[in-house]
Amino acid sequence: MKKLFFFALALCLLVSFGMAQTNDVRPFDPPAQSIGANAHTGEGLGDLLWTMDVEGITGDNRCLGVAFDGSNYWITGAYDFSAAWLYEIAPDGTLLNTYY
């Protein structure tokens, strides 16, 4: 049983090294509030794809989640803890609507 455990452990380590990305390229440093996919070559796990200063746009420092419907970003927040807030933000970083 001990041999089987060590074999499985060695196999997991070997597979993880074999699947590791070895040709990772440094990601493009986008300016603040640039949105959208950039033409990266060799993106690695955890690479920055886009940024948006949501706190600066909405004034809400308790943002909870983000969704994209194909045309706008929808961001949830808890501005003053009294109710949930929903922000609709255009891809260029313009605040379109605030729902309370």
PDB file of N, CA and C in Angstrom:
ATOM      1  N   MET A   1       0.822  -1.186   0.000  1.00  0.00           N
ATOM      2  CA  MET A   1       0.000   0.000   0.000  1.00  0.00           C
ATOM      3  C   MET A   1       0.870   1.255   0.000  1.00  0.00           C
ATOM      4  N   LYS A   2       1.965   1.208   0.739  1.00  0.00           N
ATOM      5  CA  LYS A   2       2.860   2.350   0.804  1.00  0.00           C
ATOM      6  C   LYS A   2       3.517   2.608  -0.550  1.00  0.00           C
ATOM      7  N   LYS A   3       3.848   1.545  -1.271  1.00  0.00           N
ATOM      8  CA  LYS A   3       4.462   1.693  -2.593  1.00  0.00           C
ATOM      9  C   LYS A   3       3.473   2.332  -3.567  1.00  0.00           C
ATOM     10  N   LEU A   4       2.210   1.938  -3.471  1.00  0.00           N
ATOM     11  CA  LEU A   4       1.189   2.504  -4.342  1.00  0.00           C
ATOM     12  C   LEU A   4       1.009   3.999  -4.079  1.00  0.00           C
ATOM     13  N   PHE A   5       1.044   4.397  -2.811  1.00  0.00           N
ATOM     14  CA  PHE A   5       0.915   5.813  -2.459  1.00  0.00           C
ATOM     15  C   PHE A   5       2.076   6.618  -3.037  1.00  0.00           C
ATOM     16  N   PHE A   6       3.296   6.148  -2.876  1.00  0.00           N
ATOM     17  CA  PHE A   6       4.455   6.865  -3.392  1.00  0.00           C
ATOM     18  C   PHE A   6       4.466   6.893  -4.920  1.00  0.00           C
ATOM     19  N   PHE A   7       3.983   5.825  -5.543  1.00  0.00           N
ATOM     20  CA  PHE A   7       3.877   5.810  -6.995  1.00  0.00           C
ATOM     21  C   PHE A   7       2.875   6.868  -7.477  1.00  0.00           C
ATOM     22  N   ALA A   8       1.726   6.949  -6.803  1.00  0.00           N
ATOM     23  CA  ALA A   8       0.712   7.937  -7.175  1.00  0.00           C
ATOM     24  C   ALA A   8       1.232   9.354  -6.938  1.00  0.00           C
ATOM     25  N   LEU A   9       1.958   9.561  -5.847  1.00  0.00           N
ATOM     26  CA  LEU A   9       2.534  10.875  -5.557  1.00  0.00           C
ATOM     27  C   LEU A   9       3.548  11.268  -6.622  1.00  0.00           C
ATOM     28  N   ALA A  10       4.426  10.336  -6.988  1.00  0.00           N
ATOM     29  CA  ALA A  10       5.428  10.615  -8.015  1.00  0.00           C
ATOM     30  C   ALA A  10       4.757  10.881  -9.361  1.00  0.00           C
ATOM     31  N   LEU A  11       3.699  10.152  -9.665  1.00  0.00           N
ATOM     32  CA  LEU A  11       2.979  10.349 -10.926  1.00  0.00           C
ATOM     33  C   LEU A  11       2.323  11.733 -10.959  1.00  0.00           C
ATOM     34  N   CYS A  12       1.726  12.159  -9.859  1.00  0.00           N
ATOM     35  CA  CYS A  12       1.113  13.495  -9.802  1.00  0.00           C
ATOM     36  C   CYS A  12       2.160  14.583  -9.997  1.00  0.00           C
ATOM     37  N   LEU A  13       3.313  14.449  -9.358  1.00  0.00           N
ATOM     38  CA  LEU A  13       4.370  15.438  -9.519  1.00  0.00           C
ATOM     39  C   LEU A  13       4.883  15.474 -10.945  1.00  0.00           C
ATOM     40  N   LEU A  14       5.063  14.312 -11.536  1.00  0.00           N
ATOM     41  CA  LEU A  14       5.561  14.229 -12.904  1.00  0.00           C
ATOM     42  C   LEU A  14       4.568  14.843 -13.886  1.00  0.00           C
ATOM     43  N   VAL A  15       3.299  14.567 -13.709  1.00  0.00           N
ATOM     44  CA  VAL A  15       2.274  15.116 -14.598  1.00  0.00           C
ATOM     45  C   VAL A  15       2.188  16.625 -14.439  1.00  0.00           C
ATOM     46  N   SER A  16       2.281  17.138 -13.205  1.00  0.00           N
ATOM     47  CA  SER A  16       2.190  18.584 -13.017  1.00  0.00           C
ATOM     48  C   SER A  16       3.379  19.312 -13.644  1.00  0.00           C
ATOM     49  N   PHE A  17       4.568  18.734 -13.585  1.00  0.00           N
ATOM     50  CA  PHE A  17       5.707  19.352 -14.255  1.00  0.00           C
ATOM     51  C   PHE A  17       5.562  19.269 -15.769  1.00  0.00           C
ATOM     52  N   GLY A  18       5.013  18.196 -16.257  1.00  0.00           N
ATOM     53  CA  GLY A  18       4.830  18.033 -17.691  1.00  0.00           C
ATOM     54  C   GLY A  18       3.794  18.982 -18.266  1.00  0.00           C
ATOM     55  N   MET A  19       2.806  19.355 -17.455  1.00  0.00           N
ATOM     56  CA  MET A  19       1.742  20.243 -17.934  1.00  0.00           C
ATOM     57  C   MET A  19       2.041  21.716 -17.672  1.00  0.00           C
ATOM     58  N   ALA A  20       3.137  22.010 -17.006  1.00  0.00           N
ATOM     59  CA  ALA A  20       3.475  23.398 -16.689  1.00  0.00           C
ATOM     60  C   ALA A  20       3.802  24.166 -17.967  1.00  0.00           C
ATOM     61  N   GLN A  21       3.413  25.426 -17.980  1.00  0.00           N
ATOM     62  CA  GLN A  21       3.675  26.265 -19.142  1.00  0.00           C
ATOM     63  C   GLN A  21       5.103  26.790 -19.034  1.00  0.00           C
ATOM     64  N   THR A  22       5.908  26.498 -20.020  1.00  0.00           N
ATOM     65  CA  THR A  22       7.314  26.885 -19.956  1.00  0.00           C
ATOM     66  C   THR A  22       7.642  28.086 -20.820  1.00  0.00           C
ATOM     67  N   ASN A  23       6.741  28.504 -21.688  1.00  0.00           N
ATOM     68  CA  ASN A  23       7.021  29.631 -22.580  1.00  0.00           C
ATOM     69  C   ASN A  23       6.132  30.824 -22.261  1.00  0.00           C
ATOM     70  N   ASP A  24       5.966  31.124 -20.979  1.00  0.00           N
ATOM     71  CA  ASP A  24       5.114  32.232 -20.568  1.00  0.00           C
ATOM     72  C   ASP A  24       5.760  33.558 -20.968  1.00  0.00           C
ATOM     73  N   VAL A  25       4.957  34.440 -21.527  1.00  0.00           N
ATOM     74  CA  VAL A  25       5.420  35.747 -21.955  1.00  0.00           C
ATOM     75  C   VAL A  25       4.854  36.781 -20.984  1.00  0.00           C
ATOM     76  N   ARG A  26       5.647  37.786 -20.641  1.00  0.00           N
ATOM     77  CA  ARG A  26       5.183  38.820 -19.730  1.00  0.00           C
ATOM     78  C   ARG A  26       3.976  39.515 -20.339  1.00  0.00           C
ATOM     79  N   PRO A  27       2.879  39.660 -19.555  1.00  0.00           N
ATOM     80  CA  PRO A  27       1.671  40.271 -20.115  1.00  0.00           C
ATOM     81  C   PRO A  27       1.852  41.757 -20.365  1.00  0.00           C
ATOM     82  N   PHE A  28       1.059  42.256 -21.272  1.00  0.00           N
ATOM     83  CA  PHE A  28       1.027  43.677 -21.574  1.00  0.00           C
ATOM     84  C   PHE A  28       0.512  44.429 -20.351  1.00  0.00           C
ATOM     85  N   ASP A  29       1.157  45.537 -19.984  1.00  0.00           N
ATOM     86  CA  ASP A  29       0.717  46.332 -18.847  1.00  0.00           C
ATOM     87  C   ASP A  29      -0.329  47.327 -19.323  1.00  0.00           C
ATOM     88  N   PRO A  30      -1.623  47.020 -19.112  1.00  0.00           N
ATOM     89  CA  PRO A  30      -2.653  47.924 -19.607  1.00  0.00           C
ATOM     90  C   PRO A  30      -2.751  49.172 -18.742  1.00  0.00           C
ATOM     91  N   PRO A  31      -3.093  50.309 -19.323  1.00  0.00           N
ATOM     92  CA  PRO A  31      -3.320  51.507 -18.513  1.00  0.00           C
ATOM     93  C   PRO A  31      -4.591  51.340 -17.677  1.00  0.00           C
ATOM     94  N   ALA A  32      -4.783  52.187 -16.710  1.00  0.00           N
ATOM     95  CA  ALA A  32      -5.974  52.113 -15.865  1.00  0.00           C
ATOM     96  C   ALA A  32      -7.226  52.243 -16.719  1.00  0.00           C
ATOM     97  N   GLN A  33      -8.209  51.462 -16.420  1.00  0.00           N
ATOM     98  CA  GLN A  33      -9.507  51.429 -17.065  1.00  0.00           C
ATOM     99  C   GLN A  33      -9.463  50.985 -18.515  1.00  0.00           C
ATOM    100  N   SER A  34      -8.485  50.194 -18.889  1.00  0.00           N
ATOM    101  CA  SER A  34      -8.551  49.613 -20.232  1.00  0.00           C
ATOM    102  C   SER A  34      -9.301  48.298 -20.117  1.00  0.00           C
ATOM    103  N   ILE A  35     -10.218  48.091 -20.990  1.00  0.00           N
ATOM    104  CA  ILE A  35     -11.105  46.944 -20.917  1.00  0.00           C
ATOM    105  C   ILE A  35     -10.952  46.127 -22.187  1.00  0.00           C
ATOM    106  N   GLY A  36     -11.165  44.840 -22.075  1.00  0.00           N
ATOM    107  CA  GLY A  36     -11.196  43.988 -23.250  1.00  0.00           C
ATOM    108  C   GLY A  36      -9.990  43.084 -23.329  1.00  0.00           C
ATOM    109  N   ALA A  37     -10.080  42.143 -24.210  1.00  0.00           N
ATOM    110  CA  ALA A  37      -9.001  41.180 -24.380  1.00  0.00           C
ATOM    111  C   ALA A  37      -7.866  41.815 -25.172  1.00  0.00           C
ATOM    112  N   ASN A  38      -6.670  41.626 -24.694  1.00  0.00           N
ATOM    113  CA  ASN A  38      -5.495  42.114 -25.406  1.00  0.00           C
ATOM    114  C   ASN A  38      -4.900  40.972 -26.221  1.00  0.00           C
ATOM    115  N   ALA A  39      -4.128  41.294 -27.208  1.00  0.00           N
ATOM    116  CA  ALA A  39      -3.525  40.276 -28.071  1.00  0.00           C
ATOM    117  C   ALA A  39      -2.271  39.729 -27.388  1.00  0.00           C
ATOM    118  N   HIS A  40      -2.473  38.901 -26.393  1.00  0.00           N
ATOM    119  CA  HIS A  40      -1.354  38.289 -25.670  1.00  0.00           C
ATOM    120  C   HIS A  40      -0.901  37.037 -26.413  1.00  0.00           C
ATOM    121  N   THR A  41       0.336  36.723 -26.237  1.00  0.00           N
ATOM    122  CA  THR A  41       0.826  35.434 -26.698  1.00  0.00           C
ATOM    123  C   THR A  41       1.393  34.728 -25.488  1.00  0.00           C
ATOM    124  N   GLY A  42       0.822  33.634 -25.118  1.00  0.00           N
ATOM    125  CA  GLY A  42       1.308  32.853 -23.992  1.00  0.00           C
ATOM    126  C   GLY A  42       0.888  33.393 -22.653  1.00  0.00           C
ATOM    127  N   GLU A  43      -0.425  33.536 -22.421  1.00  0.00           N
ATOM    128  CA  GLU A  43      -0.897  33.984 -21.132  1.00  0.00           C
ATOM    129  C   GLU A  43      -0.793  32.846 -20.126  1.00  0.00           C
ATOM    130  N   GLY A  44      -0.339  33.157 -18.953  1.00  0.00           N
ATOM    131  CA  GLY A  44      -0.219  32.167 -17.903  1.00  0.00           C
ATOM    132  C   GLY A  44      -1.321  32.329 -16.870  1.00  0.00           C
ATOM    133  N   LEU A  45      -1.444  31.362 -15.991  1.00  0.00           N
ATOM    134  CA  LEU A  45      -2.440  31.403 -14.937  1.00  0.00           C
ATOM    135  C   LEU A  45      -2.184  32.600 -14.029  1.00  0.00           C
ATOM    136  N   GLY A  46      -3.172  33.427 -13.840  1.00  0.00           N
ATOM    137  CA  GLY A  46      -3.047  34.589 -12.980  1.00  0.00           C
ATOM    138  C   GLY A  46      -2.560  35.838 -13.681  1.00  0.00           C
ATOM    139  N   ASP A  47      -2.330  35.802 -14.993  1.00  0.00           N
ATOM    140  CA  ASP A  47      -1.897  36.999 -15.721  1.00  0.00           C
ATOM    141  C   ASP A  47      -3.037  38.006 -15.791  1.00  0.00           C
ATOM    142  N   LEU A  48      -2.708  39.267 -15.732  1.00  0.00           N
ATOM    143  CA  LEU A  48      -3.674  40.347 -15.794  1.00  0.00           C
ATOM    144  C   LEU A  48      -4.161  40.513 -17.225  1.00  0.00           C
ATOM    145  N   LEU A  49      -5.465  40.414 -17.435  1.00  0.00           N
ATOM    146  CA  LEU A  49      -6.035  40.548 -18.769  1.00  0.00           C
ATOM    147  C   LEU A  49      -6.614  41.933 -19.007  1.00  0.00           C
ATOM    148  N   TRP A  50      -7.245  42.525 -18.016  1.00  0.00           N
ATOM    149  CA  TRP A  50      -7.781  43.876 -18.120  1.00  0.00           C
ATOM    150  C   TRP A  50      -7.956  44.436 -16.727  1.00  0.00           C
ATOM    151  N   THR A  51      -8.051  45.758 -16.643  1.00  0.00           N
ATOM    152  CA  THR A  51      -8.249  46.411 -15.356  1.00  0.00           C
ATOM    153  C   THR A  51      -9.322  47.475 -15.485  1.00  0.00           C
ATOM    154  N   MET A  52      -9.944  47.771 -14.352  1.00  0.00           N
ATOM    155  CA  MET A  52     -10.946  48.832 -14.297  1.00  0.00           C
ATOM    156  C   MET A  52     -10.984  49.328 -12.858  1.00  0.00           C
ATOM    157  N   ASP A  53     -10.911  50.622 -12.657  1.00  0.00           N
ATOM    158  CA  ASP A  53     -10.979  51.204 -11.325  1.00  0.00           C
ATOM    159  C   ASP A  53     -12.443  51.382 -10.950  1.00  0.00           C
ATOM    160  N   VAL A  54     -13.075  50.302 -10.507  1.00  0.00           N
ATOM    161  CA  VAL A  54     -14.499  50.322 -10.202  1.00  0.00           C
ATOM    162  C   VAL A  54     -14.785  51.220  -9.000  1.00  0.00           C
ATOM    163  N   GLU A  55     -13.909  51.208  -8.011  1.00  0.00           N
ATOM    164  CA  GLU A  55     -14.122  52.058  -6.846  1.00  0.00           C
ATOM    165  C   GLU A  55     -14.085  53.530  -7.235  1.00  0.00           C
ATOM    166  N   GLY A  56     -13.199  53.903  -8.131  1.00  0.00           N
ATOM    167  CA  GLY A  56     -13.135  55.288  -8.584  1.00  0.00           C
ATOM    168  C   GLY A  56     -14.339  55.689  -9.414  1.00  0.00           C
ATOM    169  N   ILE A  57     -14.868  54.764 -10.196  1.00  0.00           N
ATOM    170  CA  ILE A  57     -16.018  55.055 -11.052  1.00  0.00           C
ATOM    171  C   ILE A  57     -17.296  55.169 -10.238  1.00  0.00           C
ATOM    172  N   THR A  58     -17.500  54.238  -9.293  1.00  0.00           N
ATOM    173  CA  THR A  58     -18.755  54.172  -8.553  1.00  0.00           C
ATOM    174  C   THR A  58     -18.694  54.824  -7.182  1.00  0.00           C
ATOM    175  N   GLY A  59     -17.517  54.958  -6.607  1.00  0.00           N
ATOM    176  CA  GLY A  59     -17.394  55.443  -5.244  1.00  0.00           C
ATOM    177  C   GLY A  59     -17.687  54.371  -4.217  1.00  0.00           C
ATOM    178  N   ASP A  60     -17.869  53.141  -4.649  1.00  0.00           N
ATOM    179  CA  ASP A  60     -18.205  52.007  -3.783  1.00  0.00           C
ATOM    180  C   ASP A  60     -16.956  51.168  -3.544  1.00  0.00           C
ATOM    181  N   ASN A  61     -16.540  51.056  -2.296  1.00  0.00           N
ATOM    182  CA  ASN A  61     -15.359  50.246  -2.007  1.00  0.00           C
ATOM    183  C   ASN A  61     -15.725  48.858  -1.496  1.00  0.00           C
ATOM    184  N   ARG A  62     -16.980  48.459  -1.644  1.00  0.00           N
ATOM    185  CA  ARG A  62     -17.431  47.132  -1.235  1.00  0.00           C
ATOM    186  C   ARG A  62     -18.025  46.380  -2.424  1.00  0.00           C
ATOM    187  N   CYS A  63     -17.309  46.322  -3.527  1.00  0.00           N
ATOM    188  CA  CYS A  63     -17.794  45.622  -4.711  1.00  0.00           C
ATOM    189  C   CYS A  63     -17.638  44.126  -4.513  1.00  0.00           C
ATOM    190  N   LEU A  64     -18.649  43.380  -4.929  1.00  0.00           N
ATOM    191  CA  LEU A  64     -18.707  41.960  -4.613  1.00  0.00           C
ATOM    192  C   LEU A  64     -18.519  41.053  -5.823  1.00  0.00           C
ATOM    193  N   GLY A  65     -18.953  41.449  -6.983  1.00  0.00           N
ATOM    194  CA  GLY A  65     -18.867  40.566  -8.137  1.00  0.00           C
ATOM    195  C   GLY A  65     -19.037  41.331  -9.429  1.00  0.00           C
ATOM    196  N   VAL A  66     -18.711  40.659 -10.524  1.00  0.00           N
ATOM    197  CA  VAL A  66     -18.809  41.296 -11.831  1.00  0.00           C
ATOM    198  C   VAL A  66     -19.337  40.281 -12.843  1.00  0.00           C
ATOM    199  N   ALA A  67     -20.136  40.771 -13.782  1.00  0.00           N
ATOM    200  CA  ALA A  67     -20.641  39.942 -14.879  1.00  0.00           C
ATOM    201  C   ALA A  67     -20.599  40.790 -16.143  1.00  0.00           C
ATOM    202  N   PHE A  68     -20.474  40.110 -17.285  1.00  0.00           N
ATOM    203  CA  PHE A  68     -20.446  40.788 -18.576  1.00  0.00           C
ATOM    204  C   PHE A  68     -21.525  40.180 -19.444  1.00  0.00           C
ATOM    205  N   ASP A  69     -22.438  41.014 -19.962  1.00  0.00           N
ATOM    206  CA  ASP A  69     -23.559  40.509 -20.761  1.00  0.00           C
ATOM    207  C   ASP A  69     -23.314  40.603 -22.261  1.00  0.00           C
ATOM    208  N   GLY A  70     -22.097  40.915 -22.665  1.00  0.00           N
ATOM    209  CA  GLY A  70     -21.781  41.045 -24.075  1.00  0.00           C
ATOM    210  C   GLY A  70     -21.675  42.481 -24.519  1.00  0.00           C
ATOM    211  N   SER A  71     -22.282  43.391 -23.762  1.00  0.00           N
ATOM    212  CA  SER A  71     -22.185  44.799 -24.125  1.00  0.00           C
ATOM    213  C   SER A  71     -21.766  45.674 -22.942  1.00  0.00           C
ATOM    214  N   ASN A  72     -22.161  45.326 -21.728  1.00  0.00           N
ATOM    215  CA  ASN A  72     -21.834  46.125 -20.548  1.00  0.00           C
ATOM    216  C   ASN A  72     -21.411  45.226 -19.391  1.00  0.00           C
ATOM    217  N   TYR A  73     -20.716  45.831 -18.434  1.00  0.00           N
ATOM    218  CA  TYR A  73     -20.328  45.135 -17.204  1.00  0.00           C
ATOM    219  C   TYR A  73     -21.350  45.464 -16.130  1.00  0.00           C
ATOM    220  N   TRP A  74     -21.732  44.451 -15.343  1.00  0.00           N
ATOM    221  CA  TRP A  74     -22.665  44.603 -14.229  1.00  0.00           C
ATOM    222  C   TRP A  74     -21.899  44.259 -12.967  1.00  0.00           C
ATOM    223  N   ILE A  75     -21.846  45.211 -12.037  1.00  0.00           N
ATOM    224  CA  ILE A  75     -21.050  45.039 -10.828  1.00  0.00           C
ATOM    225  C   ILE A  75     -21.952  45.242  -9.626  1.00  0.00           C
ATOM    226  N   THR A  76     -21.886  44.311  -8.669  1.00  0.00           N
ATOM    227  CA  THR A  76     -22.670  44.430  -7.453  1.00  0.00           C
ATOM    228  C   THR A  76     -21.826  45.041  -6.355  1.00  0.00           C
ATOM    229  N   GLY A  77     -22.486  45.779  -5.478  1.00  0.00           N
ATOM    230  CA  GLY A  77     -21.778  46.405  -4.377  1.00  0.00           C
ATOM    231  C   GLY A  77     -22.685  46.600  -3.182  1.00  0.00           C
ATOM    232  N   ALA A  78     -22.107  47.036  -2.079  1.00  0.00           N
ATOM    233  CA  ALA A  78     -22.850  47.314  -0.846  1.00  0.00           C
ATOM    234  C   ALA A  78     -22.373  48.660  -0.332  1.00  0.00           C
ATOM    235  N   TYR A  79     -22.761  49.717  -1.020  1.00  0.00           N
ATOM    236  CA  TYR A  79     -22.210  51.051  -0.762  1.00  0.00           C
ATOM    237  C   TYR A  79     -22.351  51.491   0.690  1.00  0.00           C
ATOM    238  N   ASP A  80     -23.541  51.440   1.242  1.00  0.00           N
ATOM    239  CA  ASP A  80     -23.736  51.910   2.615  1.00  0.00           C
ATOM    240  C   ASP A  80     -24.353  50.839   3.520  1.00  0.00           C
ATOM    241  N   PHE A  81     -24.289  49.607   3.136  1.00  0.00           N
ATOM    242  CA  PHE A  81     -24.798  48.456   3.895  1.00  0.00           C
ATOM    243  C   PHE A  81     -26.312  48.449   4.064  1.00  0.00           C
ATOM    244  N   SER A  82     -27.034  49.431   3.520  1.00  0.00           N
ATOM    245  CA  SER A  82     -28.480  49.446   3.693  1.00  0.00           C
ATOM    246  C   SER A  82     -29.181  48.595   2.640  1.00  0.00           C
ATOM    247  N   ALA A  83     -28.589  48.477   1.480  1.00  0.00           N
ATOM    248  CA  ALA A  83     -29.193  47.699   0.396  1.00  0.00           C
ATOM    249  C   ALA A  83     -28.111  47.302  -0.585  1.00  0.00           C
ATOM    250  N   ALA A  84     -28.458  46.392  -1.456  1.00  0.00           N
ATOM    251  CA  ALA A  84     -27.521  45.984  -2.504  1.00  0.00           C
ATOM    252  C   ALA A  84     -27.585  46.994  -3.644  1.00  0.00           C
ATOM    253  N   TRP A  85     -26.454  47.257  -4.237  1.00  0.00           N
ATOM    254  CA  TRP A  85     -26.350  48.185  -5.356  1.00  0.00           C
ATOM    255  C   TRP A  85     -25.917  47.401  -6.584  1.00  0.00           C
ATOM    256  N   LEU A  86     -26.396  47.826  -7.735  1.00  0.00           N
ATOM    257  CA  LEU A  86     -26.015  47.209  -9.001  1.00  0.00           C
ATOM    258  C   LEU A  86     -25.600  48.329  -9.943  1.00  0.00           C
ATOM    259  N   TYR A  87     -24.376  48.222 -10.453  1.00  0.00           N
ATOM    260  CA  TYR A  87     -23.833  49.250 -11.337  1.00  0.00           C
ATOM    261  C   TYR A  87     -23.711  48.684 -12.743  1.00  0.00           C
ATOM    262  N   GLU A  88     -24.141  49.467 -13.722  1.00  0.00           N
ATOM    263  CA  GLU A  88     -23.973  49.114 -15.129  1.00  0.00           C
ATOM    264  C   GLU A  88     -22.881  50.019 -15.692  1.00  0.00           C
ATOM    265  N   ILE A  89     -21.803  49.406 -16.154  1.00  0.00           N
ATOM    266  CA  ILE A  89     -20.645  50.162 -16.633  1.00  0.00           C
ATOM    267  C   ILE A  89     -20.345  49.756 -18.072  1.00  0.00           C
ATOM    268  N   ALA A  90     -20.165  50.748 -18.930  1.00  0.00           N
ATOM    269  CA  ALA A  90     -19.823  50.498 -20.329  1.00  0.00           C
ATOM    270  C   ALA A  90     -18.380  50.005 -20.428  1.00  0.00           C
ATOM    271  N   PRO A  91     -18.031  49.329 -21.514  1.00  0.00           N
ATOM    272  CA  PRO A  91     -16.660  48.833 -21.674  1.00  0.00           C
ATOM    273  C   PRO A  91     -15.589  49.913 -21.656  1.00  0.00           C
ATOM    274  N   ASP A  92     -15.947  51.164 -21.933  1.00  0.00           N
ATOM    275  CA  ASP A  92     -14.945  52.234 -21.879  1.00  0.00           C
ATOM    276  C   ASP A  92     -14.786  52.811 -20.478  1.00  0.00           C
ATOM    277  N   GLY A  93     -15.540  52.289 -19.482  1.00  0.00           N
ATOM    278  CA  GLY A  93     -15.413  52.740 -18.102  1.00  0.00           C
ATOM    279  C   GLY A  93     -16.406  53.790 -17.687  1.00  0.00           C
ATOM    280  N   THR A  94     -17.434  54.052 -18.501  1.00  0.00           N
ATOM    281  CA  THR A  94     -18.452  55.041 -18.186  1.00  0.00           C
ATOM    282  C   THR A  94     -19.578  54.400 -17.375  1.00  0.00           C
ATOM    283  N   LEU A  95     -19.917  55.018 -16.259  1.00  0.00           N
ATOM    284  CA  LEU A  95     -21.023  54.536 -15.444  1.00  0.00           C
ATOM    285  C   LEU A  95     -22.331  54.883 -16.134  1.00  0.00           C
ATOM    286  N   LEU A  96     -23.088  53.878 -16.540  1.00  0.00           N
ATOM    287  CA  LEU A  96     -24.327  54.091 -17.277  1.00  0.00           C
ATOM    288  C   LEU A  96     -25.523  54.226 -16.341  1.00  0.00           C
ATOM    289  N   ASN A  97     -25.685  53.275 -15.413  1.00  0.00           N
ATOM    290  CA  ASN A  97     -26.820  53.278 -14.506  1.00  0.00           C
ATOM    291  C   ASN A  97     -26.409  52.744 -13.149  1.00  0.00           C
ATOM    292  N   THR A  98     -27.120  53.177 -12.141  1.00  0.00           N
ATOM    293  CA  THR A  98     -26.965  52.661 -10.782  1.00  0.00           C
ATOM    294  C   THR A  98     -28.339  52.229 -10.298  1.00  0.00           C
ATOM    295  N   TYR A  99     -28.447  50.978  -9.912  1.00  0.00           N
ATOM    296  CA  TYR A  99     -29.719  50.445  -9.422  1.00  0.00           C
ATOM    297  C   TYR A  99     -29.604  50.194  -7.937  1.00  0.00           C
ATOM    298  N   TYR A 100     -30.633  50.555  -7.185  1.00  0.00           N
ATOM    299  CA  TYR A 100     -30.632  50.483  -5.734  1.00  0.00           C
ATOM    300  C   TYR A 100     -31.625  49.476  -5.258  1.00  0.00           C
TER     301      TYR A 100
END
